[in-house]
């Protein structure tokens, strides 16, 4: 039942969004979705905060927050490139 509720809610939200886009309200819909995302989708931020309180490093939190090994490797590479660019400045 919970799976169906999640799927149906997602479909309802997607239909409302596309309806708003069809009536020229895309900018407003994007603004409110971005605002809501910050309050609803905090799981990664919360998990990273909890991991740091338990003594995990930032790098390990980044690795464990990805969905696949290749994605985590790419994150580590990008972080190293970013650090190198910041140090070069």
C-alpha atoms as a PDB file:
ATOM      1  CA  UNK A   1       0.000   0.000   0.000  1.00  0.00           C
ATOM      2  CA  UNK A   2       2.782   2.422   0.866  1.00  0.00           C
ATOM      3  CA  UNK A   3       4.498   1.772  -2.442  1.00  0.00           C
ATOM      4  CA  UNK A   4       1.307   2.591  -4.331  1.00  0.00           C
ATOM      5  CA  UNK A   5       0.787   5.746  -2.265  1.00  0.00           C
ATOM      6  CA  UNK A   6       4.287   6.942  -3.123  1.00  0.00           C
ATOM      7  CA  UNK A   7       3.844   6.163  -6.800  1.00  0.00           C
ATOM      8  CA  UNK A   8       0.441   7.823  -6.996  1.00  0.00           C
ATOM      9  CA  UNK A   9       1.642  10.907  -5.116  1.00  0.00           C
ATOM     10  CA  UNK A  10       4.594  11.207  -7.475  1.00  0.00           C
ATOM     11  CA  UNK A  11       2.274  10.928 -10.473  1.00  0.00           C
ATOM     12  CA  UNK A  12      -0.034  13.596  -9.033  1.00  0.00           C
ATOM     13  CA  UNK A  13       2.861  15.994  -8.414  1.00  0.00           C
ATOM     14  CA  UNK A  14       4.283  15.380 -11.879  1.00  0.00           C
ATOM     15  CA  UNK A  15       0.866  16.026 -13.451  1.00  0.00           C
ATOM     16  CA  UNK A  16       0.491  19.263 -11.481  1.00  0.00           C
ATOM     17  CA  UNK A  17       3.960  20.390 -12.550  1.00  0.00           C
ATOM     18  CA  UNK A  18       3.353  19.662 -16.226  1.00  0.00           C
ATOM     19  CA  UNK A  19      -0.037  21.351 -15.990  1.00  0.00           C
ATOM     20  CA  UNK A  20       1.644  24.452 -14.579  1.00  0.00           C
ATOM     21  CA  UNK A  21       4.219  24.362 -17.367  1.00  0.00           C
ATOM     22  CA  UNK A  22       1.437  24.071 -19.949  1.00  0.00           C
ATOM     23  CA  UNK A  23      -0.203  27.210 -18.544  1.00  0.00           C
ATOM     24  CA  UNK A  24       3.024  29.236 -18.547  1.00  0.00           C
ATOM     25  CA  UNK A  25       3.862  28.924 -14.840  1.00  0.00           C
ATOM     26  CA  UNK A  26       7.170  27.062 -15.185  1.00  0.00           C
ATOM     27  CA  UNK A  27       9.267  29.689 -13.385  1.00  0.00           C
ATOM     28  CA  UNK A  28       6.896  29.778 -10.422  1.00  0.00           C
ATOM     29  CA  UNK A  29       6.694  25.964 -10.275  1.00  0.00           C
ATOM     30  CA  UNK A  30      10.510  25.677 -10.354  1.00  0.00           C
ATOM     31  CA  UNK A  31      10.872  28.276  -7.602  1.00  0.00           C
ATOM     32  CA  UNK A  32       8.477  26.479  -5.253  1.00  0.00           C
ATOM     33  CA  UNK A  33       9.892  23.045  -6.038  1.00  0.00           C
ATOM     34  CA  UNK A  34      13.410  24.301  -5.266  1.00  0.00           C
ATOM     35  CA  UNK A  35      12.117  25.789  -2.012  1.00  0.00           C
ATOM     36  CA  UNK A  36      10.320  22.589  -1.010  1.00  0.00           C
ATOM     37  CA  UNK A  37      13.276  20.385  -1.898  1.00  0.00           C
ATOM     38  CA  UNK A  38      15.346  22.022   0.809  1.00  0.00           C
ATOM     39  CA  UNK A  39      12.807  21.063   3.466  1.00  0.00           C
ATOM     40  CA  UNK A  40      11.777  17.618   2.230  1.00  0.00           C
ATOM     41  CA  UNK A  41      14.955  16.077   0.837  1.00  0.00           C
ATOM     42  CA  UNK A  42      17.366  16.515   3.732  1.00  0.00           C
ATOM     43  CA  UNK A  43      18.316  12.858   4.155  1.00  0.00           C
ATOM     44  CA  UNK A  44      21.799  13.131   2.625  1.00  0.00           C
ATOM     45  CA  UNK A  45      22.575  16.284   4.599  1.00  0.00           C
ATOM     46  CA  UNK A  46      21.297  14.706   7.832  1.00  0.00           C
ATOM     47  CA  UNK A  47      23.241  11.487   7.262  1.00  0.00           C
ATOM     48  CA  UNK A  48      26.452  13.419   6.560  1.00  0.00           C
ATOM     49  CA  UNK A  49      25.954  15.468   9.718  1.00  0.00           C
ATOM     50  CA  UNK A  50      25.367  12.348  11.786  1.00  0.00           C
ATOM     51  CA  UNK A  51      28.415  10.640  10.295  1.00  0.00           C
ATOM     52  CA  UNK A  52      30.624  13.644  11.110  1.00  0.00           C
ATOM     53  CA  UNK A  53      29.353  13.643  14.696  1.00  0.00           C
ATOM     54  CA  UNK A  54      30.387   9.988  14.917  1.00  0.00           C
ATOM     55  CA  UNK A  55      33.888  10.778  13.640  1.00  0.00           C
ATOM     56  CA  UNK A  56      33.680   9.951   9.924  1.00  0.00           C
ATOM     57  CA  UNK A  57      35.753  12.050   7.558  1.00  0.00           C
ATOM     58  CA  UNK A  58      34.237  14.240   4.876  1.00  0.00           C
ATOM     59  CA  UNK A  59      35.711  12.021   2.164  1.00  0.00           C
ATOM     60  CA  UNK A  60      34.195   8.825   3.564  1.00  0.00           C
ATOM     61  CA  UNK A  61      30.801  10.513   3.930  1.00  0.00           C
ATOM     62  CA  UNK A  62      31.023  11.580   0.303  1.00  0.00           C
ATOM     63  CA  UNK A  63      31.912   8.065  -0.819  1.00  0.00           C
ATOM     64  CA  UNK A  64      29.113   6.395   1.120  1.00  0.00           C
ATOM     65  CA  UNK A  65      26.510   8.918  -0.057  1.00  0.00           C
ATOM     66  CA  UNK A  66      26.758   7.804  -3.692  1.00  0.00           C
ATOM     67  CA  UNK A  67      24.754   5.056  -5.341  1.00  0.00           C
ATOM     68  CA  UNK A  68      27.553   3.177  -7.090  1.00  0.00           C
ATOM     69  CA  UNK A  69      31.286   2.614  -6.933  1.00  0.00           C
ATOM     70  CA  UNK A  70      31.929   4.420 -10.208  1.00  0.00           C
ATOM     71  CA  UNK A  71      29.900   7.381  -8.986  1.00  0.00           C
ATOM     72  CA  UNK A  72      31.839   7.549  -5.729  1.00  0.00           C
ATOM     73  CA  UNK A  73      35.149   7.318  -7.621  1.00  0.00           C
ATOM     74  CA  UNK A  74      34.050  10.158  -9.878  1.00  0.00           C
ATOM     75  CA  UNK A  75      33.136  12.247  -6.823  1.00  0.00           C
ATOM     76  CA  UNK A  76      36.567  11.688  -5.304  1.00  0.00           C
ATOM     77  CA  UNK A  77      38.282  12.625  -8.590  1.00  0.00           C
ATOM     78  CA  UNK A  78      36.181  15.775  -8.920  1.00  0.00           C
ATOM     79  CA  UNK A  79      36.904  16.776  -5.319  1.00  0.00           C
ATOM     80  CA  UNK A  80      40.649  16.359  -5.915  1.00  0.00           C
ATOM     81  CA  UNK A  81      40.459  18.451  -9.094  1.00  0.00           C
ATOM     82  CA  UNK A  82      38.492  21.139  -7.269  1.00  0.00           C
ATOM     83  CA  UNK A  83      41.028  21.231  -4.434  1.00  0.00           C
ATOM     84  CA  UNK A  84      43.909  21.451  -6.911  1.00  0.00           C
ATOM     85  CA  UNK A  85      42.249  24.346  -8.738  1.00  0.00           C
ATOM     86  CA  UNK A  86      41.607  26.191  -5.468  1.00  0.00           C
ATOM     87  CA  UNK A  87      45.216  25.720  -4.392  1.00  0.00           C
ATOM     88  CA  UNK A  88      46.443  26.947  -7.785  1.00  0.00           C
ATOM     89  CA  UNK A  89      44.589  30.228  -7.286  1.00  0.00           C
END
